[in-house]
Protein backbone atom coordinates (compact mmCIF):
# COMPACT_ATOMS: atom_id res chain seq x y z
CA MET A 1 0.00 0.00 0.00
CA ARG A 2 1.42 3.34 -1.05
CA LYS A 3 1.45 6.06 1.58
CA PRO A 4 2.49 9.72 1.48
CA CYS A 5 6.06 10.61 2.48
CA ILE A 6 6.12 12.20 5.94
CA ILE A 7 8.44 14.95 4.62
CA CYS A 8 7.20 15.95 1.16
CA GLY A 9 3.90 14.10 0.70
CA ASP A 10 4.93 12.19 -2.45
CA LEU A 11 3.71 8.61 -2.56
CA THR A 12 6.10 6.01 -1.18
CA ASN A 13 6.55 2.31 -1.88
CA GLY A 14 4.88 1.47 1.42
CA GLY A 15 7.37 3.06 3.84
CA THR A 16 7.20 6.38 5.62
CA ARG A 17 9.56 8.26 3.26
CA CYS A 18 9.91 8.62 -0.49
CA ASP A 19 13.10 7.24 -2.09
CA THR A 20 14.83 10.64 -1.97
CA HIS A 21 14.14 11.25 1.71
CA GLU A 22 14.88 7.62 2.66
CA THR A 23 18.32 7.96 1.00
CA GLU A 24 18.97 11.23 2.87
CA LEU A 25 17.98 9.59 6.18
CA GLN A 26 20.35 6.65 5.57
CA GLN A 27 23.20 9.04 4.72
CA ARG A 28 22.64 10.97 7.98
CA LYS A 29 22.60 7.71 9.96
CA ASP A 30 25.78 6.48 8.24
CA THR A 31 27.53 9.79 8.98
CA ALA A 32 26.49 9.64 12.65
CA ARG A 33 27.79 6.06 12.97
CA ASN A 34 31.22 6.94 11.60
CA THR A 35 32.24 9.90 13.76
CA PRO A 36 35.64 9.76 15.51
CA GLU A 37 33.84 9.97 18.88
CA ARG A 38 31.67 6.94 18.06
CA GLN A 39 34.68 4.94 16.87
CA ALA A 40 36.61 5.78 20.07
CA TYR A 41 33.61 4.72 22.17
CA LYS A 42 33.37 1.39 20.35
CA ARG A 43 37.11 0.76 20.79
CA ALA A 44 36.76 1.41 24.53
CA MET A 45 33.62 -0.71 24.94
CA TYR A 46 34.65 -3.66 22.77
CA GLY A 47 38.44 -3.73 23.04
CA PRO A 48 40.74 -6.56 24.21
CA TYR A 49 39.27 -6.72 27.74
CA TYR A 50 35.74 -7.19 26.35
CA ARG A 51 36.85 -9.82 23.83
CA GLN A 52 38.67 -11.83 26.49
CA GLN A 53 35.73 -11.72 28.91
CA ARG A 54 33.24 -12.46 26.13
CA LYS A 55 35.11 -15.59 25.12
CA ALA A 56 35.06 -16.91 28.70
CA ILE A 57 31.37 -16.05 29.23
CA LEU A 58 30.17 -17.66 26.00
CA ALA A 59 32.22 -20.82 26.60
CA THR A 60 30.35 -21.55 29.84
CA ALA A 61 26.92 -20.00 29.16
CA THR A 62 23.89 -22.21 29.81
CA HIS A 63 21.08 -19.72 30.54
CA CYS A 64 20.15 -16.19 29.48
CA ALA A 65 20.75 -13.74 32.35
CA ILE A 66 17.87 -11.55 31.15
CA CYS A 67 14.98 -13.97 30.54
CA GLY A 68 16.33 -16.98 32.46
CA HIS A 69 15.63 -19.52 29.69
CA ALA A 70 18.21 -22.14 28.77
CA PHE A 71 20.09 -21.67 25.53
CA LYS A 72 19.08 -24.03 22.73
CA GLN A 73 21.06 -25.19 19.72
CA GLY A 74 21.17 -22.37 17.18
CA ASP A 75 20.35 -19.55 19.61
CA LYS A 76 22.29 -16.36 18.99
CA ILE A 77 24.11 -15.62 22.24
CA GLU A 78 25.79 -12.35 23.17
CA ALA A 79 27.90 -11.11 26.05
CA ASP A 80 25.91 -8.26 27.62
CA HIS A 81 27.39 -5.49 29.78
CA ILE A 82 25.64 -5.57 33.17
CA TYR A 83 26.21 -1.80 33.49
CA PRO A 84 25.61 -0.32 30.03
CA GLY A 85 28.15 2.25 28.89
CA ASN A 86 30.86 1.06 31.30
CA PRO A 87 33.70 -0.67 29.43
CA LEU A 88 34.87 -2.39 32.64
CA SER A 89 31.41 -3.71 33.48
CA PRO A 90 31.13 -7.44 34.09
CA LEU A 91 29.48 -9.37 31.28
CA GLN A 92 26.57 -11.79 31.34
CA PRO A 93 25.30 -14.20 28.67
CA ALA A 94 22.08 -13.22 26.91
CA HIS A 95 19.98 -14.11 23.89
CA ARG A 96 20.56 -11.54 21.15
CA SER A 97 16.83 -10.72 21.14
CA CYS A 98 16.75 -10.23 24.93
CA ASN A 99 19.86 -8.03 24.79
CA GLN A 100 18.38 -5.89 22.00
CA ARG A 101 15.08 -5.55 23.87
CA LYS A 102 16.96 -4.49 27.00
CA SER A 103 18.92 -1.99 24.91
CA GLY A 104 20.99 0.46 26.98
CA LYS A 105 19.07 -0.04 30.22
CA ALA A 106 20.44 -1.76 33.32
CA LEU A 107 18.36 -4.66 34.63
């Protein structure tokens, strides 16, 4: 179903923006993701300490720390920071979907 673009009113291919405005939005998002500040933050959050701890957590993980369900074969498992935004925070195993739902909030 074609809907009007929320910016200019032209008909879309079913989204909220026309092709022109969707492209502009993606370019703004890409630019925001690639700032030096963002890259420095990611290096701090996911550097050698994180990778070492993540490896140990995932090797012994049996249950999701967020929902409490046991991991099944094929589940996507992540190492979640207990205190979001703190690179030295302890990690806990979590389903990818649980971790994304939790987002940047502490439990």
